[in-house]
C-alpha atoms as a PDB file:
ATOM      1  CA  MET A   1    -165.576-121.998 -31.361  1.00  0.00           C
ATOM      2  CA  LEU A   2    -165.547-125.372 -30.506  1.00  0.00           C
ATOM      3  CA  ASP A   3    -164.159-127.712 -33.224  1.00  0.00           C
ATOM      4  CA  TYR A   4    -167.139-129.804 -33.810  1.00  0.00           C
ATOM      5  CA  GLN A   5    -165.222-132.164 -36.381  1.00  0.00           C
ATOM      6  CA  LEU A   6    -162.950-133.362 -33.505  1.00  0.00           C
ATOM      7  CA  VAL A   7    -165.651-132.812 -30.877  1.00  0.00           C
ATOM      8  CA  ASP A   8    -167.069-135.769 -32.555  1.00  0.00           C
ATOM      9  CA  ASP A   9    -164.626-137.812 -33.239  1.00  0.00           C
ATOM     10  CA  ILE A  10    -163.798-137.782 -29.280  1.00  0.00           C
ATOM     11  CA  ILE A  11    -167.360-138.696 -28.524  1.00  0.00           C
ATOM     12  CA  TRP A  12    -167.957-141.311 -31.186  1.00  0.00           C
ATOM     13  CA  ARG A  13    -164.778-142.936 -29.951  1.00  0.00           C
ATOM     14  CA  ALA A  14    -166.183-142.887 -26.170  1.00  0.00           C
ATOM     15  CA  LEU A  15    -169.281-143.830 -27.547  1.00  0.00           C
ATOM     16  CA  LYS A  16    -167.571-147.490 -29.018  1.00  0.00           C
ATOM     17  CA  GLU A  17    -165.683-147.794 -26.461  1.00  0.00           C
ATOM     18  CA  ASP A  18    -168.658-147.763 -23.792  1.00  0.00           C
ATOM     19  CA  MET A  19    -171.112-149.842 -26.691  1.00  0.00           C
ATOM     20  CA  PRO A  20    -169.004-151.532 -28.652  1.00  0.00           C
ATOM     21  CA  MET A  21    -172.105-154.169 -29.881  1.00  0.00           C
ATOM     22  CA  GLY A  22    -174.995-151.397 -27.859  1.00  0.00           C
ATOM     23  CA  ASP A  23    -176.406-151.313 -25.082  1.00  0.00           C
ATOM     24  CA  ILE A  24    -177.900-154.299 -24.019  1.00  0.00           C
ATOM     25  CA  THR A  25    -180.078-153.267 -20.472  1.00  0.00           C
ATOM     26  CA  THR A  26    -181.445-150.229 -22.679  1.00  0.00           C
ATOM     27  CA  GLU A  27    -182.224-152.428 -25.614  1.00  0.00           C
ATOM     28  CA  SER A  28    -184.247-155.410 -23.888  1.00  0.00           C
ATOM     29  CA  THR A  29    -185.953-152.858 -21.109  1.00  0.00           C
ATOM     30  CA  VAL A  30    -186.680-149.692 -22.521  1.00  0.00           C
ATOM     31  CA  PRO A  31    -189.473-149.834 -25.651  1.00  0.00           C
ATOM     32  CA  GLN A  32    -188.155-147.953 -28.480  1.00  0.00           C
ATOM     33  CA  ASP A  33    -190.219-145.448 -29.429  1.00  0.00           C
ATOM     34  CA  GLU A  34    -190.416-144.245 -25.325  1.00  0.00           C
ATOM     35  CA  ALA A  35    -189.396-140.679 -24.385  1.00  0.00           C
ATOM     36  CA  SER A  36    -188.205-139.227 -21.290  1.00  0.00           C
ATOM     37  CA  PHE A  37    -187.477-136.186 -19.519  1.00  0.00           C
ATOM     38  CA  ALA A  38    -184.367-135.190 -17.451  1.00  0.00           C
ATOM     39  CA  LYS A  39    -182.845-132.793 -15.080  1.00  0.00           C
ATOM     40  CA  LEU A  40    -178.861-131.580 -14.879  1.00  0.00           C
ATOM     41  CA  ILE A  41    -178.101-131.326 -11.068  1.00  0.00           C
ATOM     42  CA  VAL A  42    -175.058-130.512 -10.099  1.00  0.00           C
ATOM     43  CA  LYS A  43    -173.935-131.961  -6.371  1.00  0.00           C
ATOM     44  CA  GLU A  44    -171.004-129.796  -5.135  1.00  0.00           C
ATOM     45  CA  ASP A  45    -170.034-126.050  -6.018  1.00  0.00           C
ATOM     46  CA  CYS A  46    -168.152-125.823  -9.370  1.00  0.00           C
ATOM     47  CA  VAL A  47    -167.441-124.504 -12.179  1.00  0.00           C
ATOM     48  CA  ILE A  48    -168.720-125.061 -15.289  1.00  0.00           C
ATOM     49  CA  ALA A  49    -167.674-126.462 -18.375  1.00  0.00           C
ATOM     50  CA  GLY A  50    -168.323-128.322 -21.136  1.00  0.00           C
ATOM     51  CA  LEU A  51    -171.848-127.851 -21.327  1.00  0.00           C
ATOM     52  CA  GLU A  52    -171.874-127.742 -25.011  1.00  0.00           C
ATOM     53  CA  VAL A  53    -169.664-131.140 -25.485  1.00  0.00           C
ATOM     54  CA  PHE A  54    -172.309-132.793 -22.867  1.00  0.00           C
ATOM     55  CA  CYS A  55    -174.930-131.777 -25.503  1.00  0.00           C
ATOM     56  CA  ARG A  56    -173.265-133.133 -28.712  1.00  0.00           C
ATOM     57  CA  VAL A  57    -173.076-136.374 -26.588  1.00  0.00           C
ATOM     58  CA  PHE A  58    -176.818-136.280 -27.424  1.00  0.00           C
ATOM     59  CA  ILE A  59    -177.254-134.157 -30.184  1.00  0.00           C
ATOM     60  CA  LEU A  60    -175.087-137.540 -32.180  1.00  0.00           C
ATOM     61  CA  LEU A  61    -177.517-140.305 -30.770  1.00  0.00           C
ATOM     62  CA  ASP A  62    -180.693-138.232 -31.361  1.00  0.00           C
ATOM     63  CA  PRO A  63    -180.971-135.175 -32.890  1.00  0.00           C
ATOM     64  CA  ASN A  64    -184.045-134.208 -32.174  1.00  0.00           C
ATOM     65  CA  THR A  65    -183.302-133.897 -27.949  1.00  0.00           C
ATOM     66  CA  TYR A  66    -184.261-130.548 -26.630  1.00  0.00           C
ATOM     67  CA  ILE A  67    -181.775-128.781 -23.962  1.00  0.00           C
ATOM     68  CA  GLU A  68    -182.702-126.121 -22.349  1.00  0.00           C
ATOM     69  CA  ARG A  69    -179.715-124.574 -20.199  1.00  0.00           C
ATOM     70  CA  TYR A  70    -179.935-122.463 -17.643  1.00  0.00           C
ATOM     71  CA  VAL A  71    -176.014-121.624 -17.710  1.00  0.00           C
ATOM     72  CA  ASN A  72    -172.973-121.097 -19.341  1.00  0.00           C
ATOM     73  CA  ASP A  73    -169.680-122.053 -18.929  1.00  0.00           C
ATOM     74  CA  GLY A  74    -167.427-120.291 -16.663  1.00  0.00           C
ATOM     75  CA  GLU A  75    -169.975-119.755 -14.192  1.00  0.00           C
ATOM     76  CA  LYS A  76    -169.679-120.913 -10.648  1.00  0.00           C
ATOM     77  CA  VAL A  77    -173.262-122.754  -9.466  1.00  0.00           C
ATOM     78  CA  ASP A  78    -173.636-124.013  -6.262  1.00  0.00           C
ATOM     79  CA  ALA A  79    -174.599-127.549  -5.002  1.00  0.00           C
ATOM     80  CA  GLY A  80    -178.156-129.009  -5.772  1.00  0.00           C
ATOM     81  CA  THR A  81    -178.454-126.097  -8.867  1.00  0.00           C
ATOM     82  CA  VAL A  82    -180.403-127.877 -11.828  1.00  0.00           C
ATOM     83  CA  ILE A  83    -178.324-126.651 -14.816  1.00  0.00           C
ATOM     84  CA  MET A  84    -180.042-128.127 -17.964  1.00  0.00           C
ATOM     85  CA  ARG A  85    -183.440-129.909 -18.770  1.00  0.00           C
ATOM     86  CA  ILE A  86    -183.045-133.342 -21.375  1.00  0.00           C
ATOM     87  CA  SER A  87    -186.488-134.469 -23.008  1.00  0.00           C
ATOM     88  CA  GLY A  88    -185.328-137.600 -26.175  1.00  0.00           C
ATOM     89  CA  ASN A  89    -185.698-140.346 -26.992  1.00  0.00           C
ATOM     90  CA  SER A  90    -185.140-143.185 -23.333  1.00  0.00           C
ATOM     91  CA  ARG A  91    -182.924-145.535 -25.431  1.00  0.00           C
ATOM     92  CA  ALA A  92    -180.574-142.595 -26.655  1.00  0.00           C
ATOM     93  CA  MET A  93    -180.417-140.432 -24.013  1.00  0.00           C
ATOM     94  CA  LEU A  94    -179.609-143.483 -21.758  1.00  0.00           C
ATOM     95  CA  LYS A  95    -176.895-145.032 -24.005  1.00  0.00           C
ATOM     96  CA  ALA A  96    -175.338-140.751 -24.316  1.00  0.00           C
ATOM     97  CA  GLU A  97    -175.734-140.032 -20.073  1.00  0.00           C
ATOM     98  CA  ARG A  98    -172.665-141.605 -19.377  1.00  0.00           C
ATOM     99  CA  THR A  99    -169.567-140.649 -22.140  1.00  0.00           C
ATOM    100  CA  ALA A 100    -172.017-136.935 -21.584  1.00  0.00           C
ATOM    101  CA  LEU A 101    -171.076-136.951 -17.457  1.00  0.00           C
ATOM    102  CA  ASN A 102    -167.540-138.287 -18.023  1.00  0.00           C
ATOM    103  CA  LEU A 103    -166.649-135.494 -20.567  1.00  0.00           C
ATOM    104  CA  LEU A 104    -168.585-132.858 -17.839  1.00  0.00           C
ATOM    105  CA  GLN A 105    -167.394-133.842 -15.228  1.00  0.00           C
ATOM    106  CA  ARG A 106    -163.649-134.261 -15.753  1.00  0.00           C
ATOM    107  CA  MET A 107    -163.740-130.678 -17.868  1.00  0.00           C
ATOM    108  CA  SER A 108    -165.761-129.057 -14.532  1.00  0.00           C
ATOM    109  CA  GLY A 109    -163.294-130.358 -11.947  1.00  0.00           C
ATOM    110  CA  ILE A 110    -160.034-128.948 -14.698  1.00  0.00           C
ATOM    111  CA  ALA A 111    -162.377-125.705 -14.392  1.00  0.00           C
ATOM    112  CA  SER A 112    -163.066-125.490 -11.104  1.00  0.00           C
ATOM    113  CA  ALA A 113    -159.113-126.523 -10.115  1.00  0.00           C
ATOM    114  CA  THR A 114    -157.990-123.339 -12.625  1.00  0.00           C
ATOM    115  CA  ARG A 115    -160.206-121.044 -11.593  1.00  0.00           C
ATOM    116  CA  LYS A 116    -158.918-121.977  -7.641  1.00  0.00           C
ATOM    117  CA  PHE A 117    -155.397-120.653  -8.635  1.00  0.00           C
ATOM    118  CA  ALA A 118    -156.792-117.814 -11.297  1.00  0.00           C
ATOM    119  CA  ASP A 119    -158.267-116.079  -8.273  1.00  0.00           C
ATOM    120  CA  ILE A 120    -154.875-116.710  -6.161  1.00  0.00           C
ATOM    121  CA  LEU A 121    -153.062-115.079  -8.636  1.00  0.00           C
ATOM    122  CA  GLU A 122    -155.624-112.003  -9.364  1.00  0.00           C
ATOM    123  CA  ARG A 123    -153.741-109.386  -8.190  1.00  0.00           C
ATOM    124  CA  THR A 124    -150.578-110.107  -9.434  1.00  0.00           C
ATOM    125  CA  ARG A 125    -148.398-110.314 -12.527  1.00  0.00           C
ATOM    126  CA  SER A 126    -148.655-114.251 -13.203  1.00  0.00           C
ATOM    127  CA  LYS A 127    -150.744-116.132 -15.318  1.00  0.00           C
ATOM    128  CA  ILE A 128    -151.469-119.906 -14.718  1.00  0.00           C
ATOM    129  CA  VAL A 129    -150.759-122.015 -17.600  1.00  0.00           C
ATOM    130  CA  ASP A 130    -151.141-125.713 -18.060  1.00  0.00           C
ATOM    131  CA  THR A 131    -149.329-128.460 -19.498  1.00  0.00           C
ATOM    132  CA  ARG A 132    -149.168-131.755 -21.682  1.00  0.00           C
ATOM    133  CA  LYS A 133    -150.172-133.903 -18.201  1.00  0.00           C
ATOM    134  CA  THR A 134    -153.604-134.604 -20.524  1.00  0.00           C
ATOM    135  CA  ALA A 135    -155.436-137.386 -20.491  1.00  0.00           C
ATOM    136  CA  PRO A 136    -154.769-139.114 -23.734  1.00  0.00           C
ATOM    137  CA  GLY A 137    -157.070-137.972 -26.531  1.00  0.00           C
ATOM    138  CA  LEU A 138    -158.832-136.092 -24.830  1.00  0.00           C
ATOM    139  CA  ARG A 139    -156.539-132.989 -24.739  1.00  0.00           C
ATOM    140  CA  TYR A 140    -158.262-130.862 -26.856  1.00  0.00           C
ATOM    141  CA  LEU A 141    -161.202-130.859 -24.123  1.00  0.00           C
ATOM    142  CA  ASP A 142    -158.868-130.190 -20.990  1.00  0.00           C
ATOM    143  CA  LYS A 143    -157.364-127.250 -22.291  1.00  0.00           C
ATOM    144  CA  MET A 144    -160.290-125.796 -23.514  1.00  0.00           C
ATOM    145  CA  ALA A 145    -161.673-126.230 -19.938  1.00  0.00           C
ATOM    146  CA  VAL A 146    -158.654-124.315 -18.393  1.00  0.00           C
ATOM    147  CA  ARG A 147    -159.476-121.658 -20.810  1.00  0.00           C
ATOM    148  CA  ILE A 148    -162.895-121.443 -19.308  1.00  0.00           C
ATOM    149  CA  GLY A 149    -161.653-121.367 -15.837  1.00  0.00           C
ATOM    150  CA  GLY A 150    -159.715-118.645 -15.936  1.00  0.00           C
ATOM    151  CA  GLY A 151    -156.145-120.173 -16.953  1.00  0.00           C
ATOM    152  CA  THR A 152    -154.096-119.769 -20.325  1.00  0.00           C
ATOM    153  CA  ASN A 153    -152.734-122.948 -21.894  1.00  0.00           C
ATOM    154  CA  HIS A 154    -149.305-123.912 -22.925  1.00  0.00           C
ATOM    155  CA  ARG A 155    -148.118-125.632 -26.080  1.00  0.00           C
ATOM    156  CA  TYR A 156    -150.658-127.529 -27.272  1.00  0.00           C
ATOM    157  CA  CYS A 157    -148.476-130.348 -28.099  1.00  0.00           C
ATOM    158  CA  LEU A 158    -144.739-130.730 -29.317  1.00  0.00           C
ATOM    159  CA  SER A 159    -145.247-129.656 -33.148  1.00  0.00           C
ATOM    160  CA  ASP A 160    -146.333-125.530 -31.633  1.00  0.00           C
ATOM    161  CA  GLY A 161    -143.272-124.741 -30.360  1.00  0.00           C
ATOM    162  CA  VAL A 162    -139.308-125.794 -29.072  1.00  0.00           C
ATOM    163  CA  LEU A 163    -139.182-126.355 -25.253  1.00  0.00           C
ATOM    164  CA  ILE A 164    -136.122-127.790 -24.504  1.00  0.00           C
ATOM    165  CA  LYS A 165    -135.994-129.693 -21.093  1.00  0.00           C
ATOM    166  CA  ASP A 166    -133.727-131.573 -19.074  1.00  0.00           C
ATOM    167  CA  ASN A 167    -133.362-134.634 -20.856  1.00  0.00           C
ATOM    168  CA  HIS A 168    -132.982-133.006 -24.608  1.00  0.00           C
ATOM    169  CA  ILE A 169    -130.208-130.986 -22.679  1.00  0.00           C
ATOM    170  CA  LYS A 170    -128.372-134.403 -22.588  1.00  0.00           C
ATOM    171  CA  ALA A 171    -129.125-136.186 -25.113  1.00  0.00           C
ATOM    172  CA  SER A 172    -128.159-132.778 -27.772  1.00  0.00           C
ATOM    173  CA  GLY A 173    -124.640-131.714 -25.542  1.00  0.00           C
ATOM    174  CA  GLY A 174    -125.784-128.709 -23.188  1.00  0.00           C
ATOM    175  CA  ILE A 175    -127.897-125.788 -23.257  1.00  0.00           C
ATOM    176  CA  THR A 176    -126.442-123.487 -25.275  1.00  0.00           C
ATOM    177  CA  THR A 177    -125.747-126.912 -28.481  1.00  0.00           C
ATOM    178  CA  ALA A 178    -129.427-127.452 -28.214  1.00  0.00           C
ATOM    179  CA  VAL A 179    -130.445-123.915 -28.305  1.00  0.00           C
ATOM    180  CA  GLU A 180    -127.672-123.461 -31.825  1.00  0.00           C
ATOM    181  CA  LYS A 181    -129.103-127.019 -33.536  1.00  0.00           C
ATOM    182  CA  ALA A 182    -132.705-125.653 -32.776  1.00  0.00           C
ATOM    183  CA  ARG A 183    -132.960-122.279 -33.595  1.00  0.00           C
ATOM    184  CA  ALA A 184    -130.497-123.258 -37.198  1.00  0.00           C
ATOM    185  CA  GLN A 185    -134.048-125.856 -38.086  1.00  0.00           C
ATOM    186  CA  ILE A 186    -137.352-123.857 -36.913  1.00  0.00           C
ATOM    187  CA  PRO A 187    -138.649-120.903 -38.552  1.00  0.00           C
ATOM    188  CA  HIS A 188    -138.233-117.127 -36.769  1.00  0.00           C
ATOM    189  CA  THR A 189    -141.988-117.007 -35.852  1.00  0.00           C
ATOM    190  CA  ILE A 190    -141.246-120.201 -33.543  1.00  0.00           C
ATOM    191  CA  LYS A 191    -140.088-119.349 -30.041  1.00  0.00           C
ATOM    192  CA  ILE A 192    -137.189-121.459 -28.237  1.00  0.00           C
ATOM    193  CA  GLU A 193    -138.087-122.438 -24.729  1.00  0.00           C
ATOM    194  CA  VAL A 194    -135.522-123.590 -22.028  1.00  0.00           C
ATOM    195  CA  GLU A 195    -135.710-125.511 -18.695  1.00  0.00           C
ATOM    196  CA  THR A 196    -133.098-124.872 -16.451  1.00  0.00           C
ATOM    197  CA  GLU A 197    -132.459-126.274 -12.754  1.00  0.00           C
ATOM    198  CA  SER A 198    -130.237-123.983 -11.516  1.00  0.00           C
ATOM    199  CA  LEU A 199    -128.793-120.038 -12.139  1.00  0.00           C
ATOM    200  CA  GLU A 200    -125.884-120.852 -14.069  1.00  0.00           C
ATOM    201  CA  GLN A 201    -128.116-122.575 -15.961  1.00  0.00           C
ATOM    202  CA  VAL A 202    -130.241-119.664 -16.558  1.00  0.00           C
ATOM    203  CA  LYS A 203    -127.352-117.372 -17.028  1.00  0.00           C
ATOM    204  CA  GLU A 204    -126.738-120.336 -19.667  1.00  0.00           C
ATOM    205  CA  ALA A 205    -130.046-120.363 -21.443  1.00  0.00           C
ATOM    206  CA  LEU A 206    -130.217-116.152 -21.809  1.00  0.00           C
ATOM    207  CA  ASP A 207    -126.438-115.669 -23.319  1.00  0.00           C
ATOM    208  CA  ALA A 208    -127.921-118.961 -25.809  1.00  0.00           C
ATOM    209  CA  GLY A 209    -130.447-116.409 -27.249  1.00  0.00           C
ATOM    210  CA  ALA A 210    -133.919-117.936 -25.319  1.00  0.00           C
ATOM    211  CA  ASP A 211    -137.141-116.495 -25.740  1.00  0.00           C
ATOM    212  CA  ILE A 212    -138.468-117.939 -22.626  1.00  0.00           C
ATOM    213  CA  ILE A 213    -136.988-119.170 -19.814  1.00  0.00           C
ATOM    214  CA  MET A 214    -138.432-121.883 -17.219  1.00  0.00           C
ATOM    215  CA  LEU A 215    -137.287-122.462 -13.754  1.00  0.00           C
ATOM    216  CA  ASP A 216    -138.079-125.708 -12.663  1.00  0.00           C
ATOM    217  CA  ASN A 217    -138.330-126.964  -9.465  1.00  0.00           C
ATOM    218  CA  MET A 218    -136.399-124.150  -7.920  1.00  0.00           C
ATOM    219  CA  LYS A 219    -136.978-122.304  -4.220  1.00  0.00           C
ATOM    220  CA  PRO A 220    -139.285-118.898  -4.358  1.00  0.00           C
ATOM    221  CA  GLU A 221    -136.179-117.143  -3.484  1.00  0.00           C
ATOM    222  CA  VAL A 222    -134.003-118.312  -6.312  1.00  0.00           C
ATOM    223  CA  MET A 223    -136.160-117.393  -8.413  1.00  0.00           C
ATOM    224  CA  LYS A 224    -136.851-114.464  -7.170  1.00  0.00           C
ATOM    225  CA  GLU A 225    -133.173-114.688  -7.843  1.00  0.00           C
ATOM    226  CA  ALA A 226    -133.292-115.313 -11.504  1.00  0.00           C
ATOM    227  CA  VAL A 227    -135.998-113.016 -12.622  1.00  0.00           C
ATOM    228  CA  GLU A 228    -134.199-110.397 -11.297  1.00  0.00           C
ATOM    229  CA  TYR A 229    -131.164-111.685 -13.334  1.00  0.00           C
ATOM    230  CA  ILE A 230    -132.898-111.888 -16.553  1.00  0.00           C
ATOM    231  CA  ASN A 231    -134.817-108.412 -16.191  1.00  0.00           C
ATOM    232  CA  GLY A 232    -137.036-108.940 -19.235  1.00  0.00           C
ATOM    233  CA  ARG A 233    -134.736-110.236 -21.527  1.00  0.00           C
ATOM    234  CA  ALA A 234    -136.694-113.720 -21.748  1.00  0.00           C
ATOM    235  CA  LEU A 235    -140.507-114.723 -20.707  1.00  0.00           C
ATOM    236  CA  THR A 236    -139.579-116.610 -17.422  1.00  0.00           C
ATOM    237  CA  GLU A 237    -142.210-119.714 -16.329  1.00  0.00           C
ATOM    238  CA  ALA A 238    -141.929-121.189 -13.040  1.00  0.00           C
ATOM    239  CA  SER A 239    -142.818-124.711 -13.137  1.00  0.00           C
ATOM    240  CA  GLY A 240    -142.237-128.093 -10.377  1.00  0.00           C
ATOM    241  CA  ASN A 241    -144.839-129.284  -7.662  1.00  0.00           C
ATOM    242  CA  VAL A 242    -146.772-126.237  -7.950  1.00  0.00           C
ATOM    243  CA  THR A 243    -149.742-126.586  -6.009  1.00  0.00           C
ATOM    244  CA  ALA A 244    -152.720-124.025  -4.675  1.00  0.00           C
ATOM    245  CA  ASP A 245    -150.868-123.988  -1.382  1.00  0.00           C
ATOM    246  CA  ASN A 246    -147.244-122.671  -2.552  1.00  0.00           C
ATOM    247  CA  LEU A 247    -148.913-120.478  -5.524  1.00  0.00           C
ATOM    248  CA  ALA A 248    -148.587-117.496  -3.968  1.00  0.00           C
ATOM    249  CA  ASP A 249    -144.670-117.676  -3.036  1.00  0.00           C
ATOM    250  CA  VAL A 250    -143.709-118.680  -6.063  1.00  0.00           C
ATOM    251  CA  ALA A 251    -145.918-115.511  -7.768  1.00  0.00           C
ATOM    252  CA  LYS A 252    -144.220-113.132  -4.947  1.00  0.00           C
ATOM    253  CA  SER A 253    -140.598-114.354  -7.492  1.00  0.00           C
ATOM    254  CA  GLY A 254    -141.906-112.021 -10.309  1.00  0.00           C
ATOM    255  CA  VAL A 255    -142.335-114.617 -12.835  1.00  0.00           C
ATOM    256  CA  ASP A 256    -144.442-114.814 -15.853  1.00  0.00           C
ATOM    257  CA  LEU A 257    -146.385-117.553 -16.153  1.00  0.00           C
ATOM    258  CA  ILE A 258    -146.691-120.503 -13.877  1.00  0.00           C
ATOM    259  CA  SER A 259    -147.274-123.787 -15.031  1.00  0.00           C
ATOM    260  CA  SER A 260    -148.853-126.454 -13.285  1.00  0.00           C
ATOM    261  CA  GLY A 261    -149.657-130.320 -14.246  1.00  0.00           C
ATOM    262  CA  SER A 262    -152.385-130.697 -11.276  1.00  0.00           C
ATOM    263  CA  LEU A 263    -155.148-129.203 -13.747  1.00  0.00           C
ATOM    264  CA  THR A 264    -154.737-131.666 -15.549  1.00  0.00           C
ATOM    265  CA  HIS A 265    -152.903-134.910 -14.502  1.00  0.00           C
ATOM    266  CA  SER A 266    -155.010-135.475 -11.553  1.00  0.00           C
ATOM    267  CA  VAL A 267    -158.183-133.624 -11.180  1.00  0.00           C
ATOM    268  CA  LYS A 268    -161.336-134.259  -9.336  1.00  0.00           C
ATOM    269  CA  ALA A 269    -164.280-134.921 -11.008  1.00  0.00           C
ATOM    270  CA  ALA A 270    -167.391-132.375 -10.521  1.00  0.00           C
ATOM    271  CA  ASP A 271    -170.386-134.249  -8.848  1.00  0.00           C
ATOM    272  CA  ILE A 272    -172.968-134.109 -11.262  1.00  0.00           C
ATOM    273  CA  SER A 273    -175.494-135.943 -11.600  1.00  0.00           C
ATOM    274  CA  LEU A 274    -178.489-136.450 -14.367  1.00  0.00           C
ATOM    275  CA  ARG A 275    -181.862-137.617 -12.887  1.00  0.00           C
ATOM    276  CA  PHE A 276    -184.561-138.971 -14.885  1.00  0.00           C
ATOM    277  CA  GLU A 277    -187.972-137.433 -14.298  1.00  0.00           C
END
């Protein structure tokens, strides 16, 4: 279910950024009571994500906006498909247009990239997961788009779980020390994940009692050896420069999870257009 308070906060910040003192073009050229009709057209094959967020922008600016949707989030659509029609106050629609499209295009781009990864992993034991490499202020929407695309979310924020990375290891004095310190501070309900870069670190992390072991930037054959050594005693996660081209090879190692920052940090926005009729 959509967190409307959080989504509305995101939308209002974006609208304020876009028109801090109003929309002088629209307000000087379009009559106040003018009504318009528009259609939302997909201009490339993609997976749609964020329709409710898109609609919410228009509703916040004009509660009387009428919206007719023809597809649902998660559906693959072809270029040229009309996925929605909108009618309402012309000024409100023009003010909402860019913010609404920016959010929908980004979310659909993330969902499309995620679906591509998920399809590659369909017949493997591995799941694709995201990272915290999201656009500042848009993490809630970015991670929602990953789920819509068929992926799984990693931790949402630094407060959600312990992930001891290379810099934590150096700053705290080693893997064993870091795990012991974390275990002494956190409740029993929180898991500990440790990032490792070698088989030696994998063995140390497992001996220290890590619940999840990240295999970072390892070659597939080394990851396979690590997975066999761990043998189900901890969850395994592959990470580091994961792309659609090498995803299948990474999955062959037998890891439980494969995380990729590319799902959100360098996503190509889907090409979607709103055209007034």
